[in-house]
PDB file of N, CA and C in Angstrom:
ATOM      1  N   MET A   1      67.763  61.262 315.455  1.00  0.00           N
ATOM      2  CA  MET A   1      67.553  61.565 314.061  1.00  0.00           C
ATOM      3  C   MET A   1      68.895  61.492 313.331  1.00  0.00           C
ATOM      4  N   LYS A   2      68.912  60.855 312.173  1.00  0.00           N
ATOM      5  CA  LYS A   2      70.120  60.762 311.364  1.00  0.00           C
ATOM      6  C   LYS A   2      70.376  62.099 310.683  1.00  0.00           C
ATOM      7  N   SER A   3      71.641  62.348 310.365  1.00  0.00           N
ATOM      8  CA  SER A   3      71.995  63.561 309.637  1.00  0.00           C
ATOM      9  C   SER A   3      73.149  63.252 308.688  1.00  0.00           C
ATOM     10  N   VAL A   4      73.362  64.146 307.749  1.00  0.00           N
ATOM     11  CA  VAL A   4      74.447  64.013 306.792  1.00  0.00           C
ATOM     12  C   VAL A   4      75.174  65.344 306.727  1.00  0.00           C
ATOM     13  N   SER A   5      76.519  65.303 306.578  1.00  0.00           N
ATOM     14  CA  SER A   5      77.322  66.514 306.478  1.00  0.00           C
ATOM     15  C   SER A   5      77.863  66.667 305.067  1.00  0.00           C
ATOM     16  N   VAL A   6      77.723  67.866 304.524  1.00  0.00           N
ATOM     17  CA  VAL A   6      78.224  68.189 303.193  1.00  0.00           C
ATOM     18  C   VAL A   6      78.934  69.529 303.275  1.00  0.00           C
ATOM     19  N   ASN A   7      80.225  69.560 302.930  1.00  0.00           N
ATOM     20  CA  ASN A   7      81.019  70.793 302.944  1.00  0.00           C
ATOM     21  C   ASN A   7      80.895  71.543 304.262  1.00  0.00           C
ATOM     22  N   GLY A   8      80.924  70.838 305.361  1.00  0.00           N
ATOM     23  CA  GLY A   8      80.876  71.464 306.669  1.00  0.00           C
ATOM     24  C   GLY A   8      79.485  71.832 307.165  1.00  0.00           C
ATOM     25  N   MET A   9      78.456  71.644 306.350  1.00  0.00           N
ATOM     26  CA  MET A   9      77.082  71.930 306.768  1.00  0.00           C
ATOM     27  C   MET A   9      76.402  70.614 307.112  1.00  0.00           C
ATOM     28  N   THR A  10      75.654  70.569 308.206  1.00  0.00           N
ATOM     29  CA  THR A  10      74.954  69.357 308.624  1.00  0.00           C
ATOM     30  C   THR A  10      73.478  69.482 308.299  1.00  0.00           C
ATOM     31  N   PHE A  11      72.948  68.468 307.622  1.00  0.00           N
ATOM     32  CA  PHE A  11      71.547  68.440 307.232  1.00  0.00           C
ATOM     33  C   PHE A  11      70.872  67.256 307.914  1.00  0.00           C
ATOM     34  N   PRO A  12      69.800  67.498 308.675  1.00  0.00           N
ATOM     35  CA  PRO A  12      69.085  66.387 309.292  1.00  0.00           C
ATOM     36  C   PRO A  12      68.294  65.604 308.256  1.00  0.00           C
ATOM     37  N   LEU A  13      68.180  64.306 308.461  1.00  0.00           N
ATOM     38  CA  LEU A  13      67.386  63.458 307.589  1.00  0.00           C
ATOM     39  C   LEU A  13      66.170  62.967 308.352  1.00  0.00           C
ATOM     40  N   SER A  14      65.051  62.883 307.672  1.00  0.00           N
ATOM     41  CA  SER A  14      63.830  62.379 308.303  1.00  0.00           C
ATOM     42  C   SER A  14      63.117  61.478 307.309  1.00  0.00           C
ATOM     43  N   SER A  15      61.954  60.955 307.710  1.00  0.00           N
ATOM     44  CA  SER A  15      61.199  60.097 306.798  1.00  0.00           C
ATOM     45  C   SER A  15      60.678  60.877 305.600  1.00  0.00           C
ATOM     46  N   ASP A  16      60.572  62.193 305.730  1.00  0.00           N
ATOM     47  CA  ASP A  16      60.151  63.044 304.616  1.00  0.00           C
ATOM     48  C   ASP A  16      61.245  64.068 304.366  1.00  0.00           C
ATOM     49  N   ASP A  17      62.367  63.621 303.831  1.00  0.00           N
ATOM     50  CA  ASP A  17      63.497  64.514 303.628  1.00  0.00           C
ATOM     51  C   ASP A  17      63.560  65.081 302.220  1.00  0.00           C
ATOM     52  N   SER A  18      62.429  65.096 301.519  1.00  0.00           N
ATOM     53  CA  SER A  18      62.420  65.675 300.181  1.00  0.00           C
ATOM     54  C   SER A  18      62.029  67.142 300.272  1.00  0.00           C
ATOM     55  N   ASP A  19      62.625  67.943 299.422  1.00  0.00           N
ATOM     56  CA  ASP A  19      62.355  69.376 299.389  1.00  0.00           C
ATOM     57  C   ASP A  19      62.895  69.907 298.078  1.00  0.00           C
ATOM     58  N   TRP A  20      62.522  71.097 297.738  1.00  0.00           N
ATOM     59  CA  TRP A  20      63.095  71.759 296.584  1.00  0.00           C
ATOM     60  C   TRP A  20      63.338  73.201 296.960  1.00  0.00           C
ATOM     61  N   ALA A  21      64.274  73.821 296.288  1.00  0.00           N
ATOM     62  CA  ALA A  21      64.580  75.228 296.523  1.00  0.00           C
ATOM     63  C   ALA A  21      65.116  75.819 295.238  1.00  0.00           C
ATOM     64  N   PHE A  22      64.883  77.084 295.042  1.00  0.00           N
ATOM     65  CA  PHE A  22      65.453  77.796 293.916  1.00  0.00           C
ATOM     66  C   PHE A  22      66.958  77.879 294.112  1.00  0.00           C
ATOM     67  N   ALA A  23      67.722  77.522 293.085  1.00  0.00           N
ATOM     68  CA  ALA A  23      69.179  77.571 293.153  1.00  0.00           C
ATOM     69  C   ALA A  23      69.700  78.463 292.028  1.00  0.00           C
ATOM     70  N   TYR A  24      70.819  79.110 292.259  1.00  0.00           N
ATOM     71  CA  TYR A  24      71.385  80.019 291.271  1.00  0.00           C
ATOM     72  C   TYR A  24      72.903  80.031 291.416  1.00  0.00           C
ATOM     73  N   GLN A  25      73.560  80.440 290.349  1.00  0.00           N
ATOM     74  CA  GLN A  25      75.012  80.602 290.397  1.00  0.00           C
ATOM     75  C   GLN A  25      75.430  81.698 289.443  1.00  0.00           C
ATOM     76  N   ILE A  26      76.558  82.299 289.736  1.00  0.00           N
ATOM     77  CA  ILE A  26      77.138  83.325 288.876  1.00  0.00           C
ATOM     78  C   ILE A  26      78.649  83.117 288.896  1.00  0.00           C
ATOM     79  N   GLY A  27      79.259  83.339 287.786  1.00  0.00           N
ATOM     80  CA  GLY A  27      80.700  83.140 287.707  1.00  0.00           C
ATOM     81  C   GLY A  27      81.350  84.130 286.773  1.00  0.00           C
ATOM     82  N   ALA A  28      82.644  84.295 286.934  1.00  0.00           N
ATOM     83  CA  ALA A  28      83.425  85.179 286.073  1.00  0.00           C
ATOM     84  C   ALA A  28      84.853  84.655 286.038  1.00  0.00           C
ATOM     85  N   GLY A  29      85.552  84.993 284.990  1.00  0.00           N
ATOM     86  CA  GLY A  29      86.936  84.565 284.888  1.00  0.00           C
ATOM     87  C   GLY A  29      87.714  85.413 283.912  1.00  0.00           C
ATOM     88  N   ILE A  30      89.015  85.336 284.030  1.00  0.00           N
ATOM     89  CA  ILE A  30      89.894  86.047 283.109  1.00  0.00           C
ATOM     90  C   ILE A  30      91.009  85.109 282.679  1.00  0.00           C
ATOM     91  N   GLY A  31      91.573  85.403 281.530  1.00  0.00           N
ATOM     92  CA  GLY A  31      92.711  84.639 281.040  1.00  0.00           C
ATOM     93  C   GLY A  31      93.746  85.584 280.455  1.00  0.00           C
ATOM     94  N   TYR A  32      95.004  85.215 280.572  1.00  0.00           N
ATOM     95  CA  TYR A  32      96.092  86.025 280.034  1.00  0.00           C
ATOM     96  C   TYR A  32      97.000  85.106 279.226  1.00  0.00           C
ATOM     97  N   ALA A  33      97.132  85.428 277.938  1.00  0.00           N
ATOM     98  CA  ALA A  33      97.986  84.629 277.044  1.00  0.00           C
ATOM     99  C   ALA A  33      99.448  84.956 277.337  1.00  0.00           C
ATOM    100  N   ILE A  34     100.205  83.952 277.807  1.00  0.00           N
ATOM    101  CA  ILE A  34     101.623  84.182 278.077  1.00  0.00           C
ATOM    102  C   ILE A  34     102.479  83.917 276.840  1.00  0.00           C
ATOM    103  N   ASN A  35     101.931  83.171 275.876  1.00  0.00           N
ATOM    104  CA  ASN A  35     102.537  83.011 274.553  1.00  0.00           C
ATOM    105  C   ASN A  35     101.445  82.493 273.615  1.00  0.00           C
ATOM    106  N   GLU A  36     101.796  82.061 272.398  1.00  0.00           N
ATOM    107  CA  GLU A  36     100.789  81.630 271.427  1.00  0.00           C
ATOM    108  C   GLU A  36     100.036  80.366 271.852  1.00  0.00           C
ATOM    109  N   LYS A  37     100.631  79.554 272.676  1.00  0.00           N
ATOM    110  CA  LYS A  37     100.032  78.270 273.033  1.00  0.00           C
ATOM    111  C   LYS A  37      99.507  78.185 274.467  1.00  0.00           C
ATOM    112  N   ALA A  38      99.993  79.006 275.375  1.00  0.00           N
ATOM    113  CA  ALA A  38      99.631  78.869 276.794  1.00  0.00           C
ATOM    114  C   ALA A  38      98.925  80.118 277.323  1.00  0.00           C
ATOM    115  N   THR A  39      97.909  79.861 278.138  1.00  0.00           N
ATOM    116  CA  THR A  39      97.148  80.928 278.787  1.00  0.00           C
ATOM    117  C   THR A  39      97.001  80.574 280.259  1.00  0.00           C
ATOM    118  N   ILE A  40      97.248  81.542 281.140  1.00  0.00           N
ATOM    119  CA  ILE A  40      96.948  81.333 282.551  1.00  0.00           C
ATOM    120  C   ILE A  40      95.575  81.942 282.811  1.00  0.00           C
ATOM    121  N   GLN A  41      94.836  81.326 283.723  1.00  0.00           N
ATOM    122  CA  GLN A  41      93.469  81.781 283.946  1.00  0.00           C
ATOM    123  C   GLN A  41      93.121  81.751 285.422  1.00  0.00           C
ATOM    124  N   ALA A  42      92.160  82.593 285.801  1.00  0.00           N
ATOM    125  CA  ALA A  42      91.625  82.627 287.158  1.00  0.00           C
ATOM    126  C   ALA A  42      90.125  82.836 287.049  1.00  0.00           C
ATOM    127  N   GLY A  43      89.390  82.236 287.970  1.00  0.00           N
ATOM    128  CA  GLY A  43      87.942  82.367 287.930  1.00  0.00           C
ATOM    129  C   GLY A  43      87.326  82.300 289.309  1.00  0.00           C
ATOM    130  N   TYR A  44      86.071  82.704 289.383  1.00  0.00           N
ATOM    131  CA  TYR A  44      85.304  82.687 290.623  1.00  0.00           C
ATOM    132  C   TYR A  44      83.879  82.265 290.299  1.00  0.00           C
ATOM    133  N   ARG A  45      83.273  81.454 291.163  1.00  0.00           N
ATOM    134  CA  ARG A  45      81.873  81.052 291.006  1.00  0.00           C
ATOM    135  C   ARG A  45      81.194  81.073 292.364  1.00  0.00           C
ATOM    136  N   TYR A  46      80.000  81.653 292.409  1.00  0.00           N
ATOM    137  CA  TYR A  46      79.169  81.654 293.611  1.00  0.00           C
ATOM    138  C   TYR A  46      77.927  80.831 293.321  1.00  0.00           C
ATOM    139  N   PHE A  47      77.569  79.943 294.237  1.00  0.00           N
ATOM    140  CA  PHE A  47      76.372  79.124 294.117  1.00  0.00           C
ATOM    141  C   PHE A  47      75.560  79.311 295.390  1.00  0.00           C
ATOM    142  N   GLY A  48      74.263  79.505 295.248  1.00  0.00           N
ATOM    143  CA  GLY A  48      73.409  79.672 296.426  1.00  0.00           C
ATOM    144  C   GLY A  48      72.025  79.112 296.183  1.00  0.00           C
ATOM    145  N   THR A  49      71.296  78.892 297.282  1.00  0.00           N
ATOM    146  CA  THR A  49      69.916  78.432 297.213  1.00  0.00           C
ATOM    147  C   THR A  49      69.067  79.252 298.168  1.00  0.00           C
ATOM    148  N   ASP A  50      67.754  79.180 297.967  1.00  0.00           N
ATOM    149  CA  ASP A  50      66.824  79.700 298.961  1.00  0.00           C
ATOM    150  C   ASP A  50      66.847  78.765 300.159  1.00  0.00           C
ATOM    151  N   LYS A  51      66.135  79.134 301.209  1.00  0.00           N
ATOM    152  CA  LYS A  51      66.074  78.277 302.397  1.00  0.00           C
ATOM    153  C   LYS A  51      65.362  76.969 302.090  1.00  0.00           C
ATOM    154  N   LEU A  52      65.909  75.896 302.633  1.00  0.00           N
ATOM    155  CA  LEU A  52      65.295  74.579 302.513  1.00  0.00           C
ATOM    156  C   LEU A  52      64.391  74.369 303.719  1.00  0.00           C
ATOM    157  N   SER A  53      63.188  73.871 303.509  1.00  0.00           N
ATOM    158  CA  SER A  53      62.237  73.763 304.617  1.00  0.00           C
ATOM    159  C   SER A  53      62.678  72.765 305.679  1.00  0.00           C
ATOM    160  N   PHE A  54      63.421  71.703 305.301  1.00  0.00           N
ATOM    161  CA  PHE A  54      63.800  70.720 306.315  1.00  0.00           C
ATOM    162  C   PHE A  54      65.040  71.117 307.094  1.00  0.00           C
ATOM    163  N   THR A  55      65.744  72.178 306.709  1.00  0.00           N
ATOM    164  CA  THR A  55      66.893  72.643 307.486  1.00  0.00           C
ATOM    165  C   THR A  55      66.728  74.075 307.956  1.00  0.00           C
ATOM    166  N   LYS A  56      65.869  74.817 307.326  1.00  0.00           N
ATOM    167  CA  LYS A  56      65.675  76.245 307.616  1.00  0.00           C
ATOM    168  C   LYS A  56      66.949  77.026 307.349  1.00  0.00           C
ATOM    169  N   GLU A  57      67.813  76.499 306.487  1.00  0.00           N
ATOM    170  CA  GLU A  57      69.067  77.166 306.133  1.00  0.00           C
ATOM    171  C   GLU A  57      69.212  77.232 304.622  1.00  0.00           C
ATOM    172  N   ARG A  58      70.101  78.096 304.183  1.00  0.00           N
ATOM    173  CA  ARG A  58      70.445  78.207 302.770  1.00  0.00           C
ATOM    174  C   ARG A  58      71.761  77.478 302.537  1.00  0.00           C
ATOM    175  N   ALA A  59      72.005  77.092 301.314  1.00  0.00           N
ATOM    176  CA  ALA A  59      73.306  76.529 300.938  1.00  0.00           C
ATOM    177  C   ALA A  59      74.044  77.592 300.125  1.00  0.00           C
ATOM    178  N   GLU A  60      75.310  77.813 300.455  1.00  0.00           N
ATOM    179  CA  GLU A  60      76.143  78.762 299.728  1.00  0.00           C
ATOM    180  C   GLU A  60      77.521  78.152 299.518  1.00  0.00           C
ATOM    181  N   LEU A  61      78.055  78.293 298.316  1.00  0.00           N
ATOM    182  CA  LEU A  61      79.399  77.828 298.004  1.00  0.00           C
ATOM    183  C   LEU A  61      80.138  78.918 297.238  1.00  0.00           C
ATOM    184  N   HIS A  62      81.417  79.105 297.566  1.00  0.00           N
ATOM    185  CA  HIS A  62      82.293  80.021 296.850  1.00  0.00           C
ATOM    186  C   HIS A  62      83.447  79.189 296.290  1.00  0.00           C
ATOM    187  N   ASN A  63      83.694  79.282 294.976  1.00  0.00           N
ATOM    188  CA  ASN A  63      84.786  78.538 294.350  1.00  0.00           C
ATOM    189  C   ASN A  63      85.723  79.506 293.652  1.00  0.00           C
ATOM    190  N   VAL A  64      87.006  79.373 293.913  1.00  0.00           N
ATOM    191  CA  VAL A  64      88.038  80.148 293.219  1.00  0.00           C
ATOM    192  C   VAL A  64      88.914  79.147 292.482  1.00  0.00           C
ATOM    193  N   THR A  65      89.162  79.411 291.199  1.00  0.00           N
ATOM    194  CA  THR A  65      89.975  78.499 290.396  1.00  0.00           C
ATOM    195  C   THR A  65      91.157  79.235 289.780  1.00  0.00           C
ATOM    196  N   VAL A  66      92.241  78.512 289.609  1.00  0.00           N
ATOM    197  CA  VAL A  66      93.429  79.003 288.917  1.00  0.00           C
ATOM    198  C   VAL A  66      93.883  77.866 288.017  1.00  0.00           C
ATOM    199  N   GLY A  67      94.233  78.188 286.785  1.00  0.00           N
ATOM    200  CA  GLY A  67      94.636  77.119 285.881  1.00  0.00           C
ATOM    201  C   GLY A  67      95.494  77.596 284.729  1.00  0.00           C
ATOM    202  N   VAL A  68      95.922  76.624 283.946  1.00  0.00           N
ATOM    203  CA  VAL A  68      96.713  76.882 282.739  1.00  0.00           C
ATOM    204  C   VAL A  68      96.040  76.144 281.594  1.00  0.00           C
ATOM    205  N   ARG A  69      95.836  76.833 280.477  1.00  0.00           N
ATOM    206  CA  ARG A  69      95.320  76.185 279.255  1.00  0.00           C
ATOM    207  C   ARG A  69      96.468  76.127 278.256  1.00  0.00           C
ATOM    208  N   TYR A  70      96.583  74.992 277.580  1.00  0.00           N
ATOM    209  CA  TYR A  70      97.632  74.824 276.571  1.00  0.00           C
ATOM    210  C   TYR A  70      96.990  74.328 275.292  1.00  0.00           C
ATOM    211  N   ARG A  71      97.262  75.027 274.181  1.00  0.00           N
ATOM    212  CA  ARG A  71      96.722  74.629 272.874  1.00  0.00           C
ATOM    213  C   ARG A  71      97.764  73.782 272.139  1.00  0.00           C
ATOM    214  N   PHE A  72      97.349  72.601 271.680  1.00  0.00           N
ATOM    215  CA  PHE A  72      98.235  71.699 270.947  1.00  0.00           C
ATOM    216  C   PHE A  72      98.231  72.024 269.477  1.00  0.00           C
TER     217      PHE A  72
END
């Protein structure tokens, strides 16, 4: 059976590899103005799904971001 890997998770493929699952995400972030034009920022996002019938597993992702915004 063929399979595909995404972000370290392996998903088997079959002749009927279609499925759907409820997916959701939540995120938060903060920013701090270091002067009138520049802001440093940090954020977090969680993404998850219900179990997929063809894998019997859930998908979960955690993202942490750090950045700088500059106003021209």
